[in-house]
Amino acid sequence: MMTVITSSFVSGLVLTALMAWPEVPSRSDGAVLEGEVHCASDQPKVIFVEADELVPPGPPARPAVLDQRRLEFVPHVLPIVAGTRVAFINSDPFLHNVFSASTTKLFNLGTYPTGITRYVTFDRPGPVEVLCNVHHEMLAYILVLPTHLFTLTDNTGRYRLEGLPVGKIRVTLWCKAHGVHRQALDIEGPGTRKLDWDDSGEPAARQLVFER
């Protein structure tokens, strides 16, 4: 049985949710959420899931990496769980100065040459805008999340999240071009749910605030 729900969502974003409960679950250790984000922007989007009873594991032992190559931060969007240590590598043959004035994490790594790596630990959930004080065209976003259930869309806008808990969850879409949009879902058991996000115009961005 498949139920199709279409409703107006935040600031002109139309959300189409296709929620299917197959007779044979695709996984035995949790539900799966997959779908597609239809948006004119080609920047990566982040999808993440929160739940009141969800306790995320500790941060990963290995640091996440934000590289500097050919006058670009790679990747452009880096989602991480709170508590993660990020390595800022300089792979360019010239100096960089990485910093952020974001309220989530204020830091300045100073100017350092090629081959050097400097580290920052991000303890507080929220968005972080990363810049270079030497090359003003360089820009990246670190999204520090209060959950380990997150993913990036691929280059076609598709995404897939596995291991969702049973019960009420909050699904959040973060897109730099169109802001933050949320949808509540009730996961009744293992299986695959489909959640597609359709951009119907130019919705105004909202400040990213994480629910507790």
Protein backbone atom coordinates (compact mmCIF):
# COMPACT_ATOMS: atom_id res chain seq x y z
CA MET A 1 0.00 0.00 0.00
CA MET A 2 1.33 3.45 -0.88
CA THR A 3 0.10 6.78 0.44
CA VAL A 4 0.90 10.00 -1.42
CA ILE A 5 0.94 13.17 0.64
CA THR A 6 1.44 16.60 -0.92
CA SER A 7 1.49 19.73 1.22
CA SER A 8 2.77 23.29 1.11
CA PHE A 9 5.90 23.56 3.17
CA VAL A 10 8.19 26.29 4.47
CA SER A 11 8.50 29.45 2.36
CA GLY A 12 7.21 28.09 -0.92
CA LEU A 13 8.89 24.70 -0.83
CA VAL A 14 6.41 22.01 -1.83
CA LEU A 15 7.06 18.67 -0.16
CA THR A 16 5.88 15.47 -1.78
CA ALA A 17 6.19 12.47 0.50
CA LEU A 18 5.82 8.95 -0.78
CA MET A 19 5.74 6.58 2.17
CA ALA A 20 5.69 2.89 1.29
CA TRP A 21 5.61 -0.08 3.63
CA PRO A 22 6.76 -3.14 1.65
CA GLU A 23 5.64 -6.58 2.75
CA VAL A 24 9.26 -7.75 2.93
CA PRO A 25 11.51 -5.30 4.83
CA SER A 26 14.71 -4.37 3.02
CA ARG A 27 16.70 -4.40 6.29
CA SER A 28 16.21 -6.01 9.66
CA ASP A 29 18.18 -3.48 11.69
CA GLY A 30 16.23 -0.33 10.93
CA ALA A 31 14.19 1.58 8.39
CA VAL A 32 15.53 3.22 5.24
CA LEU A 33 14.71 6.71 4.02
CA GLU A 34 15.49 7.62 0.43
CA GLY A 35 14.39 10.19 -2.08
CA GLU A 36 15.39 13.06 -4.31
CA VAL A 37 15.79 16.81 -3.88
CA HIS A 38 14.59 18.76 -6.91
CA CYS A 39 16.36 22.10 -6.77
CA ALA A 40 17.87 24.49 -9.31
CA SER A 41 21.01 24.81 -7.18
CA ASP A 42 23.70 22.25 -7.98
CA GLN A 43 25.29 22.56 -4.53
CA PRO A 44 25.18 19.47 -2.29
CA LYS A 45 22.29 19.28 0.16
CA VAL A 46 22.36 17.67 3.59
CA ILE A 47 19.59 15.42 4.88
CA PHE A 48 19.64 14.48 8.56
CA VAL A 49 17.32 12.79 11.04
CA GLU A 50 16.63 13.59 14.69
CA ALA A 51 14.51 11.69 17.23
CA ASP A 52 13.87 12.27 20.93
CA GLU A 53 15.04 8.77 21.87
CA LEU A 54 18.02 8.75 19.52
CA VAL A 55 21.40 8.78 21.28
CA PRO A 56 24.23 9.36 18.80
CA PRO A 57 27.48 7.46 19.26
CA GLY A 58 30.63 9.34 20.12
CA PRO A 59 32.54 11.26 17.44
CA PRO A 60 34.65 9.23 15.00
CA ALA A 61 38.20 8.36 16.00
CA ARG A 62 39.59 9.65 12.71
CA PRO A 63 39.24 13.34 11.86
CA ALA A 64 37.10 14.53 8.99
CA VAL A 65 39.05 16.29 6.24
CA LEU A 66 38.56 19.68 4.63
CA ASP A 67 41.30 20.01 2.02
CA GLN A 68 42.50 23.10 0.16
CA ARG A 69 43.21 22.35 -3.48
CA ARG A 70 43.38 24.67 -6.49
CA LEU A 71 42.02 27.59 -4.49
CA GLU A 72 38.97 25.62 -3.35
CA PHE A 73 37.88 23.94 -0.15
CA VAL A 74 37.18 20.26 -0.81
CA PRO A 75 34.48 19.27 -0.10
CA HIS A 76 32.39 22.42 -0.42
CA VAL A 77 29.87 21.10 2.14
CA LEU A 78 31.04 18.91 5.03
CA PRO A 79 28.43 17.46 7.43
CA ILE A 80 29.83 16.07 10.70
CA VAL A 81 28.50 14.92 14.06
CA ALA A 82 29.18 17.21 17.02
CA GLY A 83 32.51 16.46 18.67
CA THR A 84 34.28 15.64 15.41
CA ARG A 85 37.84 16.82 14.85
CA VAL A 86 38.41 18.30 11.38
CA ALA A 87 41.78 18.32 9.62
CA PHE A 88 42.37 21.40 7.46
CA ILE A 89 44.99 20.30 4.93
CA ASN A 90 46.86 22.72 2.68
CA SER A 91 47.52 20.84 -0.56
CA ASP A 92 48.14 24.01 -2.58
CA PRO A 93 51.68 25.21 -3.38
CA PHE A 94 51.08 28.52 -1.60
CA LEU A 95 49.92 29.95 1.72
CA HIS A 96 46.37 29.76 3.09
CA ASN A 97 44.74 31.27 6.17
CA VAL A 98 41.65 29.34 7.27
CA PHE A 99 39.20 31.00 9.65
CA SER A 100 35.55 31.28 10.63
CA ALA A 101 33.59 34.08 12.27
CA SER A 102 30.52 31.86 12.75
CA THR A 103 28.91 31.84 16.19
CA THR A 104 28.88 28.03 16.13
CA LYS A 105 32.69 27.95 16.04
CA LEU A 106 34.98 30.95 15.99
CA PHE A 107 38.56 30.12 14.97
CA ASN A 108 41.57 31.32 13.00
CA LEU A 109 44.27 28.82 12.03
CA GLY A 110 46.70 31.49 10.90
CA THR A 111 48.72 31.40 7.70
CA TYR A 112 50.41 28.10 6.86
CA PRO A 113 52.20 26.62 3.84
CA THR A 114 51.68 23.58 1.64
CA GLY A 115 51.85 20.17 3.29
CA ILE A 116 50.78 21.45 6.70
CA THR A 117 47.60 20.28 8.45
CA ARG A 118 45.88 22.07 11.31
CA TYR A 119 42.97 20.83 13.39
CA VAL A 120 39.76 22.14 14.95
CA THR A 121 37.24 20.22 17.08
CA PHE A 122 33.60 21.20 16.55
CA ASP A 123 31.65 20.57 19.76
CA ARG A 124 28.54 22.67 19.22
CA PRO A 125 25.83 21.85 16.65
CA GLY A 126 25.18 24.48 14.01
CA PRO A 127 26.40 25.82 10.65
CA VAL A 128 29.97 27.04 10.19
CA GLU A 129 31.09 29.19 7.27
CA VAL A 130 34.77 28.58 6.48
CA LEU A 131 36.82 31.21 4.64
CA CYS A 132 40.40 31.95 3.64
CA ASN A 133 41.83 35.31 4.66
CA VAL A 134 44.32 35.18 1.77
CA HIS A 135 41.96 34.09 -1.02
CA HIS A 136 38.56 35.69 -0.47
CA GLU A 137 36.86 33.63 -3.16
CA MET A 138 37.32 30.44 -1.13
CA LEU A 139 34.26 29.30 0.81
CA ALA A 140 33.03 26.09 2.45
CA TYR A 141 30.33 25.06 4.89
CA ILE A 142 30.69 22.68 7.82
CA LEU A 143 27.35 21.50 9.18
CA VAL A 144 27.84 20.30 12.76
CA LEU A 145 24.95 17.98 13.55
CA PRO A 146 23.43 16.62 16.78
CA THR A 147 22.90 13.24 15.11
CA HIS A 148 24.91 10.56 13.32
CA LEU A 149 22.06 9.93 10.86
CA PHE A 150 22.94 12.22 7.97
CA THR A 151 23.92 12.10 4.33
CA LEU A 152 24.69 14.30 1.34
CA THR A 153 22.76 14.25 -1.90
CA ASP A 154 24.65 12.92 -4.91
CA ASN A 155 25.14 14.90 -8.13
CA THR A 156 21.62 13.98 -9.27
CA GLY A 157 19.96 15.12 -6.03
CA ARG A 158 19.31 11.61 -4.70
CA TYR A 159 19.96 10.49 -1.13
CA ARG A 160 19.62 7.39 1.07
CA LEU A 161 19.70 7.04 4.86
CA GLU A 162 19.77 3.64 6.57
CA GLY A 163 19.27 2.51 10.16
CA LEU A 164 16.42 4.85 11.09
CA PRO A 165 14.83 4.24 14.50
CA VAL A 166 11.20 3.21 14.94
CA GLY A 167 8.91 5.99 16.15
CA LYS A 168 8.54 9.69 15.50
CA ILE A 169 11.45 11.33 13.70
CA ARG A 170 12.23 14.77 12.31
CA VAL A 171 13.79 14.91 8.86
CA THR A 172 15.66 18.09 7.96
CA LEU A 173 16.84 19.29 4.57
CA TRP A 174 19.64 21.87 4.54
CA CYS A 175 20.32 23.71 1.31
CA LYS A 176 22.46 26.84 1.18
CA ALA A 177 20.37 28.26 -1.66
CA HIS A 178 16.95 27.69 -0.07
CA GLY A 179 17.50 27.36 3.66
CA VAL A 180 16.26 24.78 6.14
CA HIS A 181 13.09 22.72 5.80
CA ARG A 182 11.70 20.04 8.11
CA GLN A 183 9.18 17.24 7.96
CA ALA A 184 7.93 14.97 10.75
CA LEU A 185 7.51 11.27 9.98
CA ASP A 186 6.28 8.30 11.97
CA ILE A 187 8.41 5.20 11.33
CA GLU A 188 6.31 2.14 12.15
CA GLY A 189 8.92 -0.52 11.45
CA PRO A 190 11.65 -1.72 9.08
CA GLY A 191 11.20 -0.98 5.41
CA THR A 192 11.88 1.76 2.88
CA ARG A 193 10.18 5.14 2.98
CA LYS A 194 10.46 7.66 0.16
CA LEU A 195 10.64 11.39 0.79
CA ASP A 196 11.10 13.73 -2.19
CA TRP A 197 11.60 17.47 -1.83
CA ASP A 198 10.37 19.71 -4.67
CA ASP A 199 11.47 23.32 -5.05
CA SER A 200 8.53 25.33 -6.38
CA GLY A 201 10.11 28.77 -6.38
CA GLU A 202 12.60 30.84 -4.43
CA PRO A 203 11.85 30.21 -0.75
CA ALA A 204 13.51 32.49 1.78
CA ALA A 205 16.27 30.90 3.85
CA ARG A 206 15.70 30.45 7.58
CA GLN A 207 18.31 30.47 10.30
CA LEU A 208 19.44 26.95 11.13
CA VAL A 209 18.30 26.08 14.65
CA PHE A 210 18.60 22.53 15.95
CA GLU A 211 15.74 21.13 18.00
CA ARG A 212 16.55 19.55 21.34
